[in-house]
């Protein structure tokens, strides 16, 4: 499945065919109503616990595999990821990016999230789930969609890619609202807030509109891109959207500002616009 993003009707059809359903909304929202058999997850469950590397995926691939199998994930079954895009940090994109990076080729999130599915008439429930049947997912990690800190640094030195900062403008300019050690942005990074890809209801903007916004930054379909935010969540959403548009050379820097700003300013500089 080439699509990283599904319309609500496409998702409904796959759900009716027993796709695995992952819900990334907060736990309270899940309790107040969810799709039957949707499993609640957070991105933190699959990420390194120690600061400043908490944006990076767990190093232990066996542990990742075990956690994903517990959710019922198998390589042969599509995974539908549901979020609340108007009011969150792009967690559904992070989970899809993670699954794709770990080798699942049929993971996608729903355009417009839970509310769009409800509007499309999908059945919901307040009840708890039956225990998940254990999946047989096998991790086969690919470097197609991720870039590590020092690889990013080397590419920056050689001016080989466009770097996109997907945070709010205040963060790009130097604010540190999420515990970053230093403020600012990676030198040369252009700003494109991840929520500027969606409308105020959480639906993706029309493809032509997104492509026009990218073109204003000098980005074409074949432009090499690296994205980042604070811990690789908003930037993973951004990667998912652009990959869905057909961009093939786009990578998420999961360590992002937490990791970059924790290092010395001489080796890992930042620019401020305050």
Protein backbone atom coordinates (compact mmCIF):
# COMPACT_ATOMS: atom_id res chain seq x y z
CA UNK A 1 0.00 0.00 0.00
CA UNK A 2 1.63 3.23 -1.16
CA UNK A 3 -0.81 5.42 0.72
CA UNK A 4 0.31 6.70 4.09
CA UNK A 5 -3.02 8.49 4.55
CA UNK A 6 -6.52 7.15 3.94
CA UNK A 7 -9.87 8.84 3.43
CA UNK A 8 -12.44 7.94 6.11
CA UNK A 9 -14.28 5.72 3.61
CA UNK A 10 -11.10 3.86 2.63
CA UNK A 11 -10.34 3.34 6.33
CA UNK A 12 -13.90 2.13 6.99
CA UNK A 13 -13.56 -0.49 4.28
CA UNK A 14 -10.24 -1.79 5.65
CA UNK A 15 -11.61 -1.81 9.20
CA UNK A 16 -14.55 -3.91 7.98
CA UNK A 17 -11.93 -6.34 6.61
CA UNK A 18 -10.33 -6.72 10.07
CA UNK A 19 -7.44 -4.26 9.78
CA UNK A 20 -5.58 -3.59 13.03
CA UNK A 21 -6.73 -0.28 14.56
CA UNK A 22 -4.44 1.95 16.65
CA UNK A 23 -5.85 4.99 18.47
CA UNK A 24 -3.35 7.73 19.40
CA UNK A 25 -5.80 10.15 21.01
CA UNK A 26 -5.50 10.76 24.73
CA UNK A 27 -6.82 8.06 27.04
CA UNK A 28 -9.82 10.11 28.16
CA UNK A 29 -10.94 10.60 24.55
CA UNK A 30 -10.58 6.85 23.99
CA UNK A 31 -12.75 6.14 27.08
CA UNK A 32 -15.41 8.56 25.85
CA UNK A 33 -15.76 6.66 22.58
CA UNK A 34 -13.64 4.61 20.20
CA UNK A 35 -13.91 2.19 17.32
CA UNK A 36 -14.42 -1.39 18.49
CA UNK A 37 -11.08 -3.17 18.96
CA UNK A 38 -9.07 0.06 18.56
CA UNK A 39 -6.02 -0.22 20.82
CA UNK A 40 -4.89 2.93 22.63
CA UNK A 41 -1.16 3.74 22.30
CA UNK A 42 1.22 6.60 22.96
CA UNK A 43 4.38 7.31 20.97
CA UNK A 44 6.39 7.24 24.21
CA UNK A 45 5.83 3.48 24.58
CA UNK A 46 8.18 2.89 21.65
CA UNK A 47 10.75 5.59 22.38
CA UNK A 48 13.88 5.82 24.49
CA UNK A 49 13.10 6.81 28.08
CA UNK A 50 16.30 8.67 28.87
CA UNK A 51 16.80 12.37 28.18
CA UNK A 52 17.79 13.90 25.79
CA UNK A 53 17.15 10.97 23.44
CA UNK A 54 13.46 10.52 24.22
CA UNK A 55 12.49 11.35 20.64
CA UNK A 56 14.41 8.37 19.26
CA UNK A 57 12.88 4.93 18.83
CA UNK A 58 13.94 2.21 21.26
CA UNK A 59 17.29 0.69 20.30
CA UNK A 60 16.20 -2.86 21.10
CA UNK A 61 14.44 -4.07 17.95
CA UNK A 62 13.30 -7.28 19.67
CA UNK A 63 11.54 -5.21 22.31
CA UNK A 64 9.91 -3.04 19.62
CA UNK A 65 8.80 -6.18 17.79
CA UNK A 66 7.37 -7.67 20.99
CA UNK A 67 5.46 -4.46 21.83
CA UNK A 68 4.00 -4.22 18.33
CA UNK A 69 2.99 -7.89 18.27
CA UNK A 70 1.12 -7.33 21.57
CA UNK A 71 -0.97 -4.73 19.75
CA UNK A 72 -1.99 -7.41 17.26
CA UNK A 73 0.21 -6.08 14.46
CA UNK A 74 1.21 -8.43 11.66
CA UNK A 75 3.12 -7.68 8.46
CA UNK A 76 0.29 -9.06 6.33
CA UNK A 77 -2.52 -6.94 7.86
CA UNK A 78 -3.05 -3.21 7.24
CA UNK A 79 -2.72 -0.96 10.28
CA UNK A 80 -5.12 1.99 10.52
CA UNK A 81 -3.96 4.76 12.88
CA UNK A 82 -6.46 7.24 14.29
CA UNK A 83 -5.70 10.61 15.83
CA UNK A 84 -7.25 13.96 16.68
CA UNK A 85 -5.31 16.10 14.20
CA UNK A 86 -6.95 19.44 14.98
CA UNK A 87 -5.91 19.21 18.63
CA UNK A 88 -2.75 17.15 18.92
CA UNK A 89 0.92 16.98 17.94
CA UNK A 90 0.62 14.64 14.97
CA UNK A 91 0.91 11.43 16.99
CA UNK A 92 -0.89 9.43 14.31
CA UNK A 93 1.80 10.45 11.82
CA UNK A 94 4.51 9.45 14.29
CA UNK A 95 3.07 5.94 14.68
CA UNK A 96 2.70 5.51 10.90
CA UNK A 97 6.26 6.80 10.35
CA UNK A 98 7.54 4.39 13.02
CA UNK A 99 5.76 1.40 11.50
CA UNK A 100 7.00 2.25 8.01
CA UNK A 101 10.54 2.73 9.33
CA UNK A 102 10.35 -0.65 11.06
CA UNK A 103 9.27 -2.31 7.83
CA UNK A 104 5.45 -2.35 7.84
CA UNK A 105 4.34 -1.45 4.32
CA UNK A 106 0.61 -1.08 4.96
CA UNK A 107 0.38 1.43 7.81
CA UNK A 108 -1.64 4.60 7.27
CA UNK A 109 -3.53 7.19 9.26
CA UNK A 110 -7.03 8.52 8.65
CA UNK A 111 -7.41 11.99 7.15
CA UNK A 112 -9.42 14.01 9.67
CA UNK A 113 -8.94 11.42 12.41
CA UNK A 114 -11.59 10.01 14.71
CA UNK A 115 -14.12 12.79 14.10
CA UNK A 116 -13.98 12.22 10.32
CA UNK A 117 -14.60 8.50 10.81
CA UNK A 118 -17.59 9.19 13.06
CA UNK A 119 -18.93 11.61 10.45
CA UNK A 120 -18.52 8.85 7.84
CA UNK A 121 -20.82 6.67 9.94
CA UNK A 122 -18.40 4.20 11.52
CA UNK A 123 -19.60 2.26 14.55
CA UNK A 124 -18.19 3.36 17.92
CA UNK A 125 -18.31 1.94 21.43
CA UNK A 126 -17.57 2.83 25.07
CA UNK A 127 -16.81 -0.75 26.00
CA UNK A 128 -13.39 -2.23 26.67
CA UNK A 129 -11.77 -4.49 24.10
CA UNK A 130 -11.34 -8.22 24.02
CA UNK A 131 -7.68 -9.23 24.58
CA UNK A 132 -5.71 -8.69 21.38
CA UNK A 133 -4.67 -11.69 19.36
CA UNK A 134 -0.86 -11.57 19.28
CA UNK A 135 0.48 -10.50 15.88
CA UNK A 136 3.50 -11.86 14.05
CA UNK A 137 5.14 -8.58 12.98
CA UNK A 138 8.82 -8.88 12.12
CA UNK A 139 10.96 -5.73 12.29
CA UNK A 140 12.88 -5.06 9.09
CA UNK A 141 14.18 -1.56 9.67
CA UNK A 142 14.80 0.77 6.74
CA UNK A 143 16.77 4.03 6.62
CA UNK A 144 14.47 5.40 3.89
CA UNK A 145 12.47 7.62 6.22
CA UNK A 146 14.83 8.52 9.08
CA UNK A 147 18.05 10.44 9.53
CA UNK A 148 20.34 10.40 12.57
CA UNK A 149 21.90 13.45 14.19
CA UNK A 150 25.41 13.14 12.78
CA UNK A 151 24.19 12.15 9.32
CA UNK A 152 22.08 15.31 9.34
CA UNK A 153 25.07 17.36 10.48
CA UNK A 154 27.25 15.96 7.66
CA UNK A 155 24.56 16.65 5.05
CA UNK A 156 24.17 20.20 6.36
CA UNK A 157 27.90 20.81 5.98
CA UNK A 158 27.72 19.70 2.35
CA UNK A 159 24.48 21.63 1.71
CA UNK A 160 22.85 18.44 0.43
CA UNK A 161 19.27 18.89 1.64
CA UNK A 162 16.54 21.26 2.71
CA UNK A 163 15.85 21.11 6.45
CA UNK A 164 12.30 21.87 7.59
CA UNK A 165 11.48 22.98 11.13
CA UNK A 166 7.87 21.88 11.72
CA UNK A 167 7.40 23.58 15.12
CA UNK A 168 5.54 26.79 15.92
CA UNK A 169 7.17 30.02 14.77
CA UNK A 170 7.96 31.04 18.37
CA UNK A 171 9.97 27.84 18.82
CA UNK A 172 11.77 28.37 15.52
CA UNK A 173 12.66 31.88 16.71
CA UNK A 174 14.10 30.69 20.03
CA UNK A 175 11.36 29.84 22.57
CA UNK A 176 11.94 26.61 24.53
CA UNK A 177 8.52 25.51 25.88
CA UNK A 178 9.28 21.78 26.02
CA UNK A 179 12.49 21.54 28.02
CA UNK A 180 15.03 22.05 25.22
CA UNK A 181 18.50 22.88 26.52
CA UNK A 182 18.97 25.70 23.99
CA UNK A 183 16.60 27.65 21.76
CA UNK A 184 16.54 28.49 18.08
CA UNK A 185 16.61 26.43 14.93
CA UNK A 186 19.14 24.34 13.03
CA UNK A 187 21.13 26.75 10.82
CA UNK A 188 19.58 27.11 7.39
CA UNK A 189 16.32 25.38 8.36
CA UNK A 190 13.16 26.76 6.80
CA UNK A 191 9.99 27.07 8.85
CA UNK A 192 6.80 25.16 7.94
CA UNK A 193 4.48 24.59 10.90
CA UNK A 194 3.04 21.08 10.64
CA UNK A 195 -0.53 22.29 11.24
CA UNK A 196 -0.29 24.43 8.11
CA UNK A 197 -0.88 21.15 6.24
CA UNK A 198 -4.42 20.85 7.66
CA UNK A 199 -7.55 22.94 8.11
CA UNK A 200 -9.05 23.88 11.48
CA UNK A 201 -11.09 20.64 11.56
CA UNK A 202 -7.98 18.51 11.10
CA UNK A 203 -8.52 17.61 7.45
CA UNK A 204 -5.58 17.73 5.06
CA UNK A 205 -5.50 20.66 2.68
CA UNK A 206 -5.97 19.83 -1.02
CA UNK A 207 -2.85 18.32 -2.59
CA UNK A 208 -2.33 21.27 -4.97
CA UNK A 209 -2.40 23.69 -2.04
CA UNK A 210 0.26 21.74 -0.12
CA UNK A 211 2.46 21.42 -3.23
CA UNK A 212 2.17 25.20 -3.79
CA UNK A 213 3.22 25.88 -0.18
CA UNK A 214 6.22 23.57 -0.61
CA UNK A 215 7.16 25.16 -3.94
CA UNK A 216 7.36 28.56 -2.22
CA UNK A 217 10.18 27.07 -0.12
CA UNK A 218 11.92 25.67 -3.21
CA UNK A 219 10.74 22.12 -2.57
CA UNK A 220 9.88 19.86 -5.50
CA UNK A 221 8.87 16.19 -5.44
CA UNK A 222 12.51 15.06 -5.77
CA UNK A 223 14.07 17.54 -3.31
CA UNK A 224 16.05 15.83 -0.49
CA UNK A 225 14.40 16.88 2.80
CA UNK A 226 15.02 16.35 6.50
CA UNK A 227 12.36 17.37 9.04
CA UNK A 228 12.56 17.93 12.79
CA UNK A 229 10.57 19.35 15.70
CA UNK A 230 11.13 18.82 19.45
CA UNK A 231 11.11 15.02 19.59
CA UNK A 232 10.28 13.86 16.08
CA UNK A 233 6.48 13.74 16.47
CA UNK A 234 5.22 16.74 14.51
CA UNK A 235 8.00 16.19 11.97
CA UNK A 236 6.95 12.54 11.55
CA UNK A 237 3.42 13.73 10.71
CA UNK A 238 5.00 16.04 8.14
CA UNK A 239 6.99 13.16 6.63
CA UNK A 240 3.84 11.03 6.43
CA UNK A 241 1.96 13.74 4.53
CA UNK A 242 4.80 14.37 2.09
CA UNK A 243 5.46 10.66 1.55
CA UNK A 244 1.76 10.28 0.77
CA UNK A 245 2.17 12.98 -1.90
CA UNK A 246 4.88 10.88 -3.51
CA UNK A 247 8.06 12.47 -2.15
CA UNK A 248 10.64 9.69 -1.80
CA UNK A 249 13.63 11.52 -0.34
CA UNK A 250 12.24 12.78 2.94
CA UNK A 251 13.55 11.80 6.35
CA UNK A 252 12.52 12.51 9.92
CA UNK A 253 15.19 13.43 12.47
CA UNK A 254 13.55 11.78 15.48
CA UNK A 255 16.08 13.03 18.04
CA UNK A 256 15.17 16.57 16.98
CA UNK A 257 15.68 19.59 19.24
CA UNK A 258 15.81 17.65 22.51
CA UNK A 259 18.87 15.80 21.27
CA UNK A 260 20.50 18.51 19.11
CA UNK A 261 20.22 21.26 21.73
CA UNK A 262 21.70 19.03 24.46
CA UNK A 263 25.06 18.96 22.66
CA UNK A 264 27.70 21.71 22.58
CA UNK A 265 26.89 24.83 20.59
CA UNK A 266 30.19 24.66 18.70
CA UNK A 267 29.43 21.24 17.24
CA UNK A 268 25.63 21.53 17.02
CA UNK A 269 24.87 25.21 16.46
CA UNK A 270 21.47 26.88 16.57
CA UNK A 271 20.24 30.19 15.16
CA UNK A 272 17.84 32.44 17.05
CA UNK A 273 15.51 35.10 15.65
CA UNK A 274 14.48 36.68 18.95
